[in-house]
Amino acid sequence: MSSDKVNPSSQGWGVAAFIIGLAILANVTAYTIHKATYLKPDKTAVEARH
């Protein structure tokens, strides 16, 4: 066993920041794809082609 003291609040912040960054990137990507491809349900097929 190691005698080193561990401060739990000082470890893992880099990993947590990376995961939060990935989550934000995934949400921005999903929103961008949604805005580019979403068709309103009330549009007809002819309107959707234009």
PDB file of N, CA and C in Angstrom:
ATOM      1  N   MET A   1       0.841  -1.176   0.000  1.00  0.00           N
ATOM      2  CA  MET A   1       0.000   0.000   0.000  1.00  0.00           C
ATOM      3  C   MET A   1       0.889   1.243   0.000  1.00  0.00           C
ATOM      4  N   SER A   2       0.411   2.241  -0.642  1.00  0.00           N
ATOM      5  CA  SER A   2       1.136   3.497  -0.715  1.00  0.00           C
ATOM      6  C   SER A   2       0.732   4.390   0.442  1.00  0.00           C
ATOM      7  N   SER A   3       1.672   5.177   0.889  1.00  0.00           N
ATOM      8  CA  SER A   3       1.364   6.101   1.978  1.00  0.00           C
ATOM      9  C   SER A   3       1.016   7.496   1.454  1.00  0.00           C
ATOM     10  N   ASP A   4       0.926   7.623   0.114  1.00  0.00           N
ATOM     11  CA  ASP A   4       0.588   8.916  -0.474  1.00  0.00           C
ATOM     12  C   ASP A   4      -0.862   9.261  -0.150  1.00  0.00           C
ATOM     13  N   LYS A   5      -1.059  10.512   0.229  1.00  0.00           N
ATOM     14  CA  LYS A   5      -2.423  10.971   0.490  1.00  0.00           C
ATOM     15  C   LYS A   5      -3.057  11.386  -0.839  1.00  0.00           C
ATOM     16  N   VAL A   6      -4.314  11.056  -1.007  1.00  0.00           N
ATOM     17  CA  VAL A   6      -5.031  11.371  -2.237  1.00  0.00           C
ATOM     18  C   VAL A   6      -6.107  12.394  -1.920  1.00  0.00           C
ATOM     19  N   ASN A   7      -6.089  13.452  -2.679  1.00  0.00           N
ATOM     20  CA  ASN A   7      -7.129  14.478  -2.558  1.00  0.00           C
ATOM     21  C   ASN A   7      -8.115  14.242  -3.706  1.00  0.00           C
ATOM     22  N   PRO A   8      -9.281  13.660  -3.439  1.00  0.00           N
ATOM     23  CA  PRO A   8     -10.192  13.308  -4.524  1.00  0.00           C
ATOM     24  C   PRO A   8     -10.670  14.492  -5.352  1.00  0.00           C
ATOM     25  N   SER A   9     -10.640  15.677  -4.806  1.00  0.00           N
ATOM     26  CA  SER A   9     -11.129  16.828  -5.567  1.00  0.00           C
ATOM     27  C   SER A   9     -10.096  17.348  -6.557  1.00  0.00           C
ATOM     28  N   SER A  10      -8.884  16.815  -6.555  1.00  0.00           N
ATOM     29  CA  SER A  10      -7.852  17.334  -7.453  1.00  0.00           C
ATOM     30  C   SER A  10      -7.592  16.421  -8.639  1.00  0.00           C
ATOM     31  N   GLN A  11      -8.276  15.301  -8.728  1.00  0.00           N
ATOM     32  CA  GLN A  11      -8.010  14.361  -9.814  1.00  0.00           C
ATOM     33  C   GLN A  11      -9.240  14.202 -10.696  1.00  0.00           C
ATOM     34  N   GLY A  12      -8.995  13.987 -11.970  1.00  0.00           N
ATOM     35  CA  GLY A  12     -10.073  13.698 -12.897  1.00  0.00           C
ATOM     36  C   GLY A  12     -10.684  14.897 -13.590  1.00  0.00           C
ATOM     37  N   TRP A  13     -10.220  16.099 -13.293  1.00  0.00           N
ATOM     38  CA  TRP A  13     -10.824  17.276 -13.922  1.00  0.00           C
ATOM     39  C   TRP A  13     -10.542  17.332 -15.411  1.00  0.00           C
ATOM     40  N   GLY A  14      -9.390  16.856 -15.830  1.00  0.00           N
ATOM     41  CA  GLY A  14      -9.078  16.840 -17.257  1.00  0.00           C
ATOM     42  C   GLY A  14      -9.994  15.902 -18.019  1.00  0.00           C
ATOM     43  N   VAL A  15     -10.217  14.720 -17.466  1.00  0.00           N
ATOM     44  CA  VAL A  15     -11.112  13.746 -18.095  1.00  0.00           C
ATOM     45  C   VAL A  15     -12.539  14.284 -18.105  1.00  0.00           C
ATOM     46  N   ALA A  16     -12.966  14.873 -17.000  1.00  0.00           N
ATOM     47  CA  ALA A  16     -14.323  15.427 -16.934  1.00  0.00           C
ATOM     48  C   ALA A  16     -14.502  16.548 -17.956  1.00  0.00           C
ATOM     49  N   ALA A  17     -13.512  17.418 -18.083  1.00  0.00           N
ATOM     50  CA  ALA A  17     -13.598  18.506 -19.064  1.00  0.00           C
ATOM     51  C   ALA A  17     -13.646  17.957 -20.486  1.00  0.00           C
ATOM     52  N   PHE A  18     -12.880  16.907 -20.753  1.00  0.00           N
ATOM     53  CA  PHE A  18     -12.880  16.286 -22.077  1.00  0.00           C
ATOM     54  C   PHE A  18     -14.255  15.701 -22.409  1.00  0.00           C
ATOM     55  N   ILE A  19     -14.853  15.016 -21.459  1.00  0.00           N
ATOM     56  CA  ILE A  19     -16.167  14.407 -21.679  1.00  0.00           C
ATOM     57  C   ILE A  19     -17.237  15.484 -21.869  1.00  0.00           C
ATOM     58  N   ILE A  20     -17.169  16.545 -21.096  1.00  0.00           N
ATOM     59  CA  ILE A  20     -18.121  17.640 -21.258  1.00  0.00           C
ATOM     60  C   ILE A  20     -17.951  18.286 -22.630  1.00  0.00           C
ATOM     61  N   GLY A  21     -16.699  18.450 -23.055  1.00  0.00           N
ATOM     62  CA  GLY A  21     -16.437  18.996 -24.388  1.00  0.00           C
ATOM     63  C   GLY A  21     -17.005  18.117 -25.487  1.00  0.00           C
ATOM     64  N   LEU A  22     -16.838  16.795 -25.334  1.00  0.00           N
ATOM     65  CA  LEU A  22     -17.417  15.873 -26.318  1.00  0.00           C
ATOM     66  C   LEU A  22     -18.936  15.964 -26.343  1.00  0.00           C
ATOM     67  N   ALA A  23     -19.560  16.102 -25.176  1.00  0.00           N
ATOM     68  CA  ALA A  23     -21.019  16.212 -25.114  1.00  0.00           C
ATOM     69  C   ALA A  23     -21.500  17.484 -25.808  1.00  0.00           C
ATOM     70  N   ILE A  24     -20.804  18.579 -25.592  1.00  0.00           N
ATOM     71  CA  ILE A  24     -21.183  19.840 -26.234  1.00  0.00           C
ATOM     72  C   ILE A  24     -21.016  19.723 -27.744  1.00  0.00           C
ATOM     73  N   LEU A  25     -19.907  19.136 -28.181  1.00  0.00           N
ATOM     74  CA  LEU A  25     -19.669  18.955 -29.613  1.00  0.00           C
ATOM     75  C   LEU A  25     -20.743  18.066 -30.242  1.00  0.00           C
ATOM     76  N   ALA A  26     -21.128  17.007 -29.562  1.00  0.00           N
ATOM     77  CA  ALA A  26     -22.163  16.113 -30.082  1.00  0.00           C
ATOM     78  C   ALA A  26     -23.497  16.841 -30.207  1.00  0.00           C
ATOM     79  N   ASN A  27     -23.828  17.669 -29.230  1.00  0.00           N
ATOM     80  CA  ASN A  27     -25.089  18.412 -29.288  1.00  0.00           C
ATOM     81  C   ASN A  27     -25.084  19.441 -30.410  1.00  0.00           C
ATOM     82  N   VAL A  28     -23.984  20.137 -30.596  1.00  0.00           N
ATOM     83  CA  VAL A  28     -23.894  21.126 -31.677  1.00  0.00           C
ATOM     84  C   VAL A  28     -23.990  20.429 -33.025  1.00  0.00           C
ATOM     85  N   THR A  29     -23.321  19.294 -33.165  1.00  0.00           N
ATOM     86  CA  THR A  29     -23.383  18.542 -34.418  1.00  0.00           C
ATOM     87  C   THR A  29     -24.802  18.060 -34.700  1.00  0.00           C
ATOM     88  N   ALA A  30     -25.463  17.511 -33.695  1.00  0.00           N
ATOM     89  CA  ALA A  30     -26.829  17.028 -33.877  1.00  0.00           C
ATOM     90  C   ALA A  30     -27.769  18.172 -34.248  1.00  0.00           C
ATOM     91  N   TYR A  31     -27.617  19.326 -33.605  1.00  0.00           N
ATOM     92  CA  TYR A  31     -28.467  20.476 -33.912  1.00  0.00           C
ATOM     93  C   TYR A  31     -28.229  20.954 -35.345  1.00  0.00           C
ATOM     94  N   THR A  32     -26.966  20.984 -35.765  1.00  0.00           N
ATOM     95  CA  THR A  32     -26.646  21.421 -37.119  1.00  0.00           C
ATOM     96  C   THR A  32     -27.251  20.481 -38.156  1.00  0.00           C
ATOM     97  N   ILE A  33     -27.125  19.177 -37.926  1.00  0.00           N
ATOM     98  CA  ILE A  33     -27.714  18.206 -38.844  1.00  0.00           C
ATOM     99  C   ILE A  33     -29.233  18.343 -38.861  1.00  0.00           C
ATOM    100  N   HIS A  34     -29.821  18.542 -37.694  1.00  0.00           N
ATOM    101  CA  HIS A  34     -31.283  18.706 -37.609  1.00  0.00           C
ATOM    102  C   HIS A  34     -31.739  19.918 -38.409  1.00  0.00           C
ATOM    103  N   LYS A  35     -31.059  21.045 -38.238  1.00  0.00           N
ATOM    104  CA  LYS A  35     -31.460  22.254 -38.961  1.00  0.00           C
ATOM    105  C   LYS A  35     -31.307  22.081 -40.468  1.00  0.00           C
ATOM    106  N   ALA A  36     -30.328  21.306 -40.899  1.00  0.00           N
ATOM    107  CA  ALA A  36     -30.079  21.137 -42.330  1.00  0.00           C
ATOM    108  C   ALA A  36     -31.029  20.139 -42.974  1.00  0.00           C
ATOM    109  N   THR A  37     -31.592  19.227 -42.200  1.00  0.00           N
ATOM    110  CA  THR A  37     -32.358  18.144 -42.819  1.00  0.00           C
ATOM    111  C   THR A  37     -33.820  18.077 -42.394  1.00  0.00           C
ATOM    112  N   TYR A  38     -34.237  18.827 -41.400  1.00  0.00           N
ATOM    113  CA  TYR A  38     -35.609  18.711 -40.892  1.00  0.00           C
ATOM    114  C   TYR A  38     -36.611  19.323 -41.854  1.00  0.00           C
ATOM    115  N   LEU A  39     -37.669  18.591 -42.111  1.00  0.00           N
ATOM    116  CA  LEU A  39     -38.783  19.109 -42.900  1.00  0.00           C
ATOM    117  C   LEU A  39     -39.998  19.219 -41.999  1.00  0.00           C
ATOM    118  N   LYS A  40     -40.667  20.354 -42.057  1.00  0.00           N
ATOM    119  CA  LYS A  40     -41.868  20.530 -41.245  1.00  0.00           C
ATOM    120  C   LYS A  40     -42.937  19.554 -41.704  1.00  0.00           C
ATOM    121  N   PRO A  41     -43.702  19.003 -40.777  1.00  0.00           N
ATOM    122  CA  PRO A  41     -44.706  18.007 -41.139  1.00  0.00           C
ATOM    123  C   PRO A  41     -45.807  18.547 -42.054  1.00  0.00           C
ATOM    124  N   ASP A  42     -46.030  19.847 -42.066  1.00  0.00           N
ATOM    125  CA  ASP A  42     -47.111  20.393 -42.888  1.00  0.00           C
ATOM    126  C   ASP A  42     -46.685  20.701 -44.324  1.00  0.00           C
ATOM    127  N   LYS A  43     -45.439  20.467 -44.686  1.00  0.00           N
ATOM    128  CA  LYS A  43     -44.996  20.688 -46.065  1.00  0.00           C
ATOM    129  C   LYS A  43     -45.403  19.517 -46.939  1.00  0.00           C
ATOM    130  N   THR A  44     -45.808  19.844 -48.145  1.00  0.00           N
ATOM    131  CA  THR A  44     -46.146  18.784 -49.096  1.00  0.00           C
ATOM    132  C   THR A  44     -44.862  18.303 -49.771  1.00  0.00           C
ATOM    133  N   ALA A  45     -44.952  17.199 -50.478  1.00  0.00           N
ATOM    134  CA  ALA A  45     -43.791  16.636 -51.149  1.00  0.00           C
ATOM    135  C   ALA A  45     -43.263  17.599 -52.212  1.00  0.00           C
ATOM    136  N   VAL A  46     -44.154  18.325 -52.885  1.00  0.00           N
ATOM    137  CA  VAL A  46     -43.719  19.272 -53.925  1.00  0.00           C
ATOM    138  C   VAL A  46     -42.948  20.431 -53.297  1.00  0.00           C
ATOM    139  N   GLU A  47     -43.448  20.968 -52.179  1.00  0.00           N
ATOM    140  CA  GLU A  47     -42.755  22.060 -51.506  1.00  0.00           C
ATOM    141  C   GLU A  47     -41.393  21.624 -50.977  1.00  0.00           C
ATOM    142  N   ALA A  48     -41.293  20.395 -50.520  1.00  0.00           N
ATOM    143  CA  ALA A  48     -40.079  19.901 -49.906  1.00  0.00           C
ATOM    144  C   ALA A  48     -38.939  19.790 -50.908  1.00  0.00           C
ATOM    145  N   ARG A  49     -39.273  19.593 -52.192  1.00  0.00           N
ATOM    146  CA  ARG A  49     -38.228  19.442 -53.203  1.00  0.00           C
ATOM    147  C   ARG A  49     -37.569  20.772 -53.542  1.00  0.00           C
ATOM    148  N   HIS A  50     -38.203  21.896 -53.273  1.00  0.00           N
ATOM    149  CA  HIS A  50     -37.653  23.218 -53.655  1.00  0.00           C
ATOM    150  C   HIS A  50     -36.704  23.741 -52.657  1.00  0.00           C
TER     151      HIS A  50
END
